[in-house]
Amino acid sequence: MNHDIIAQTLRTYFLEKGKTIKVIQRYLRMKYHLIMDEKLLEKRLQNLSVN
């Protein structure tokens, strides 16, 4: 899978540090000005887990 900002953030904060999807949404919005839907982040997380 691509090592893009979203994948790196999900891997670091969700899988390694155990943060919630809401916290990751806030982080992406504040640091990178990305507004991500919760369902989209969950789907990206599933794709990350499969690969």
Protein backbone atom coordinates (compact mmCIF):
# COMPACT_ATOMS: atom_id res chain seq x y z
CA MET A 1 0.00 0.00 0.00
CA ASN A 2 1.06 3.58 -0.56
CA HIS A 3 2.84 5.28 2.30
CA ASP A 4 0.70 8.37 2.16
CA ILE A 5 -0.13 10.75 5.00
CA ILE A 6 -3.39 9.03 5.91
CA ALA A 7 -1.91 5.53 5.94
CA GLN A 8 1.06 6.66 8.02
CA THR A 9 -1.20 8.46 10.47
CA LEU A 10 -3.52 5.47 10.85
CA ARG A 11 -0.60 3.10 11.32
CA THR A 12 1.12 5.32 13.89
CA TYR A 13 -1.79 6.62 15.92
CA PHE A 14 -4.44 3.90 15.61
CA LEU A 15 -2.45 0.68 15.43
CA GLU A 16 0.63 1.59 17.48
CA LYS A 17 -0.67 4.16 19.98
CA GLY A 18 -4.31 3.05 20.25
CA LYS A 19 -5.93 6.42 19.49
CA THR A 20 -9.56 6.63 18.33
CA ILE A 21 -10.80 7.53 14.86
CA LYS A 22 -12.14 10.84 16.22
CA VAL A 23 -8.68 11.81 17.51
CA ILE A 24 -7.15 10.92 14.15
CA GLN A 25 -9.78 13.04 12.36
CA ARG A 26 -8.89 16.03 14.54
CA TYR A 27 -5.16 15.47 14.00
CA LEU A 28 -5.51 15.34 10.20
CA ARG A 29 -7.74 18.41 10.21
CA MET A 30 -5.41 20.47 12.37
CA LYS A 31 -2.03 19.42 10.97
CA TYR A 32 -2.77 18.87 7.28
CA HIS A 33 -6.12 20.71 6.84
CA LEU A 34 -7.71 17.44 5.67
CA ILE A 35 -11.35 16.85 6.45
CA MET A 36 -11.87 13.10 6.41
CA ASP A 37 -15.14 11.23 6.90
CA GLU A 38 -15.11 8.68 9.72
CA LYS A 39 -16.37 5.92 7.41
CA LEU A 40 -13.59 6.64 4.93
CA LEU A 41 -10.95 6.39 7.66
CA GLU A 42 -12.43 3.09 8.83
CA LYS A 43 -12.29 1.75 5.27
CA ARG A 44 -8.68 2.88 4.90
CA LEU A 45 -7.91 1.15 8.20
CA GLN A 46 -9.45 -2.09 6.94
CA ASN A 47 -7.38 -1.88 3.76
CA LEU A 48 -4.28 -1.24 5.87
CA SER A 49 -5.01 -4.29 8.04
CA VAL A 50 -5.51 -6.55 5.02
CA ASN A 51 -2.24 -5.52 3.36
